C-alpha atoms as a PDB file:
ATOM      1  CA  UNK A   1      14.857  41.078 -87.276  1.00  0.00           C
ATOM      2  CA  UNK A   2      11.968  40.609 -85.552  1.00  0.00           C
ATOM      3  CA  UNK A   3      11.566  37.000 -87.151  1.00  0.00           C
ATOM      4  CA  UNK A   4      14.850  36.066 -86.260  1.00  0.00           C
ATOM      5  CA  UNK A   5      14.168  36.981 -82.556  1.00  0.00           C
ATOM      6  CA  UNK A   6      11.064  34.998 -82.674  1.00  0.00           C
ATOM      7  CA  UNK A   7      12.686  31.825 -83.788  1.00  0.00           C
ATOM      8  CA  UNK A   8      14.749  32.141 -80.480  1.00  0.00           C
ATOM      9  CA  UNK A   9      11.315  32.445 -78.686  1.00  0.00           C
ATOM     10  CA  UNK A  10       9.811  28.962 -80.539  1.00  0.00           C
ATOM     11  CA  UNK A  11      13.218  27.480 -79.835  1.00  0.00           C
ATOM     12  CA  UNK A  12      13.207  28.002 -76.237  1.00  0.00           C
ATOM     13  CA  UNK A  13       9.497  27.169 -76.244  1.00  0.00           C
ATOM     14  CA  UNK A  14      10.359  23.698 -77.544  1.00  0.00           C
ATOM     15  CA  UNK A  15      13.385  23.418 -74.731  1.00  0.00           C
ATOM     16  CA  UNK A  16      11.033  24.110 -71.825  1.00  0.00           C
ATOM     17  CA  UNK A  17       8.336  21.749 -73.240  1.00  0.00           C
ATOM     18  CA  UNK A  18      10.841  19.063 -73.534  1.00  0.00           C
ATOM     19  CA  UNK A  19      11.824  19.531 -69.853  1.00  0.00           C
ATOM     20  CA  UNK A  20       8.144  19.603 -68.675  1.00  0.00           C
ATOM     21  CA  UNK A  21       6.949  17.013 -70.792  1.00  0.00           C
ATOM     22  CA  UNK A  22       9.469  14.382 -71.796  1.00  0.00           C
ATOM     23  CA  UNK A  23      10.851  11.785 -68.952  1.00  0.00           C
ATOM     24  CA  UNK A  24      14.085  11.034 -71.025  1.00  0.00           C
ATOM     25  CA  UNK A  25      14.909  14.628 -71.291  1.00  0.00           C
ATOM     26  CA  UNK A  26      14.396  15.378 -67.570  1.00  0.00           C
ATOM     27  CA  UNK A  27      17.003  12.114 -66.819  1.00  0.00           C
ATOM     28  CA  UNK A  28      19.315  13.732 -69.069  1.00  0.00           C
ATOM     29  CA  UNK A  29      19.079  16.705 -67.194  1.00  0.00           C
ATOM     30  CA  UNK A  30      19.986  15.013 -63.855  1.00  0.00           C
ATOM     31  CA  UNK A  31      22.850  12.899 -65.501  1.00  0.00           C
ATOM     32  CA  UNK A  32      23.769  16.375 -66.777  1.00  0.00           C
ATOM     33  CA  UNK A  33      24.016  18.079 -63.044  1.00  0.00           C
ATOM     34  CA  UNK A  34      25.889  14.861 -61.924  1.00  0.00           C
ATOM     35  CA  UNK A  35      28.531  15.075 -64.805  1.00  0.00           C
ATOM     36  CA  UNK A  36      28.950  18.838 -64.482  1.00  0.00           C
ATOM     37  CA  UNK A  37      29.394  17.920 -60.445  1.00  0.00           C
ATOM     38  CA  UNK A  38      31.720  15.253 -60.935  1.00  0.00           C
ATOM     39  CA  UNK A  39      33.781  17.434 -63.667  1.00  0.00           C
ATOM     40  CA  UNK A  40      33.939  20.116 -61.117  1.00  0.00           C
ATOM     41  CA  UNK A  41      35.375  17.873 -58.466  1.00  0.00           C
ATOM     42  CA  UNK A  42      37.762  15.903 -60.830  1.00  0.00           C
ATOM     43  CA  UNK A  43      39.288  19.081 -62.167  1.00  0.00           C
ATOM     44  CA  UNK A  44      38.907  18.687 -65.937  1.00  0.00           C
ATOM     45  CA  UNK A  45      41.138  20.251 -68.281  1.00  0.00           C
ATOM     46  CA  UNK A  46      39.714  22.784 -70.883  1.00  0.00           C
ATOM     47  CA  UNK A  47      39.703  19.914 -73.728  1.00  0.00           C
ATOM     48  CA  UNK A  48      37.731  17.620 -71.580  1.00  0.00           C
ATOM     49  CA  UNK A  49      35.412  20.480 -70.523  1.00  0.00           C
ATOM     50  CA  UNK A  50      34.676  20.922 -74.147  1.00  0.00           C
ATOM     51  CA  UNK A  51      34.147  17.017 -75.068  1.00  0.00           C
ATOM     52  CA  UNK A  52      31.830  16.667 -72.036  1.00  0.00           C
ATOM     53  CA  UNK A  53      29.743  19.717 -72.998  1.00  0.00           C
ATOM     54  CA  UNK A  54      29.520  18.521 -76.738  1.00  0.00           C
ATOM     55  CA  UNK A  55      28.345  15.206 -75.224  1.00  0.00           C
ATOM     56  CA  UNK A  56      25.903  16.813 -73.066  1.00  0.00           C
ATOM     57  CA  UNK A  57      24.469  19.148 -75.667  1.00  0.00           C
ATOM     58  CA  UNK A  58      24.381  16.313 -78.277  1.00  0.00           C
ATOM     59  CA  UNK A  59      22.437  14.061 -75.782  1.00  0.00           C
ATOM     60  CA  UNK A  60      19.860  16.880 -75.132  1.00  0.00           C
ATOM     61  CA  UNK A  61      19.473  17.750 -78.458  1.00  0.00           C
ATOM     62  CA  UNK A  62      18.845  14.238 -79.795  1.00  0.00           C
ATOM     63  CA  UNK A  63      16.061  13.743 -77.043  1.00  0.00           C
ATOM     64  CA  UNK A  64      14.370  16.688 -77.978  1.00  0.00           C
ATOM     65  CA  UNK A  65      14.585  15.484 -82.085  1.00  0.00           C
ATOM     66  CA  UNK A  66      13.332  12.252 -81.056  1.00  0.00           C
ATOM     67  CA  UNK A  67      10.549  13.616 -79.041  1.00  0.00           C
ATOM     68  CA  UNK A  68       9.556  15.792 -82.251  1.00  0.00           C
ATOM     69  CA  UNK A  69       9.822  12.546 -84.467  1.00  0.00           C
ATOM     70  CA  UNK A  70       7.665  10.649 -82.272  1.00  0.00           C
ATOM     71  CA  UNK A  71       5.159  13.680 -81.792  1.00  0.00           C
ATOM     72  CA  UNK A  72       5.167  14.224 -85.773  1.00  0.00           C
ATOM     73  CA  UNK A  73       4.493  10.160 -86.477  1.00  0.00           C
ATOM     74  CA  UNK A  74       1.569  10.181 -83.818  1.00  0.00           C
ATOM     75  CA  UNK A  75       0.365  13.295 -85.692  1.00  0.00           C
ATOM     76  CA  UNK A  76      -0.084  11.310 -88.923  1.00  0.00           C
ATOM     77  CA  UNK A  77      -1.292   8.216 -87.786  1.00  0.00           C
ATOM     78  CA  UNK A  78      -2.515   6.938 -84.234  1.00  0.00           C
ATOM     79  CA  UNK A  79      -2.966   3.361 -85.655  1.00  0.00           C
ATOM     80  CA  UNK A  80       0.000   0.902 -85.115  1.00  0.00           C
ATOM     81  CA  UNK A  81       1.736   0.873 -88.522  1.00  0.00           C
ATOM     82  CA  UNK A  82       5.030  -0.886 -89.461  1.00  0.00           C
ATOM     83  CA  UNK A  83       6.489   2.419 -91.088  1.00  0.00           C
ATOM     84  CA  UNK A  84       5.767   4.581 -87.768  1.00  0.00           C
ATOM     85  CA  UNK A  85       7.166   1.617 -85.288  1.00  0.00           C
ATOM     86  CA  UNK A  86       9.974   1.848 -87.751  1.00  0.00           C
ATOM     87  CA  UNK A  87      10.418   5.652 -87.520  1.00  0.00           C
ATOM     88  CA  UNK A  88      10.270   5.880 -83.681  1.00  0.00           C
ATOM     89  CA  UNK A  89      12.593   2.979 -83.468  1.00  0.00           C
ATOM     90  CA  UNK A  90      15.037   4.530 -85.307  1.00  0.00           C
ATOM     91  CA  UNK A  91      14.998   7.910 -83.727  1.00  0.00           C
ATOM     92  CA  UNK A  92      15.469   6.082 -80.340  1.00  0.00           C
ATOM     93  CA  UNK A  93      18.200   3.796 -81.670  1.00  0.00           C
ATOM     94  CA  UNK A  94      20.236   6.878 -82.861  1.00  0.00           C
ATOM     95  CA  UNK A  95      19.559   8.348 -79.294  1.00  0.00           C
ATOM     96  CA  UNK A  96      20.714   5.092 -77.530  1.00  0.00           C
ATOM     97  CA  UNK A  97      23.996   4.693 -79.540  1.00  0.00           C
ATOM     98  CA  UNK A  98      24.826   8.282 -78.693  1.00  0.00           C
ATOM     99  CA  UNK A  99      24.182   8.132 -75.042  1.00  0.00           C
ATOM    100  CA  UNK A 100      26.394   4.551 -75.221  1.00  0.00           C
ATOM    101  CA  UNK A 101      29.189   6.271 -76.822  1.00  0.00           C
ATOM    102  CA  UNK A 102      28.693   9.511 -74.537  1.00  0.00           C
ATOM    103  CA  UNK A 103      29.183   6.884 -71.320  1.00  0.00           C
ATOM    104  CA  UNK A 104      32.231   5.335 -72.945  1.00  0.00           C
ATOM    105  CA  UNK A 105      33.557   8.788 -73.753  1.00  0.00           C
ATOM    106  CA  UNK A 106      32.907   9.691 -70.267  1.00  0.00           C
ATOM    107  CA  UNK A 107      34.646   6.877 -68.477  1.00  0.00           C
ATOM    108  CA  UNK A 108      37.555   7.502 -70.790  1.00  0.00           C
ATOM    109  CA  UNK A 109      37.891  11.218 -69.562  1.00  0.00           C
ATOM    110  CA  UNK A 110      36.907  10.351 -65.450  1.00  0.00           C
ATOM    111  CA  UNK A 111      38.160   6.896 -64.674  1.00  0.00           C
ATOM    112  CA  UNK A 112      41.692   7.412 -65.277  1.00  0.00           C
ATOM    113  CA  UNK A 113      41.498  10.830 -63.264  1.00  0.00           C
ATOM    114  CA  UNK A 114      39.853   9.119 -60.369  1.00  0.00           C
ATOM    115  CA  UNK A 115      42.166   5.858 -60.227  1.00  0.00           C
ATOM    116  CA  UNK A 116      45.508   7.688 -60.630  1.00  0.00           C
END
């Protein structure tokens, strides 16, 4: 049981480190606050809140995974290597795709409510 709770400690340490060290995580946390405030003022339904929270959680998770991949690649090689660049670019590309889709879904939720 102790190992089980220790895993939560390690995970929380990773989250805190990501918040402190990663510029993009800080940006997404700021965006999270803006979106949550907008949702509160807009009056989202339960389903809309569920979608928004899934998008927020996915975005923050992907940013942390992207940072972990970057650190792992840097640990493996500090020299410029085409495969290292590809690994970093692929991870960043995954984050970008999710971010764009999140914005589109956010527009689909918020825009009709704001202009009706």
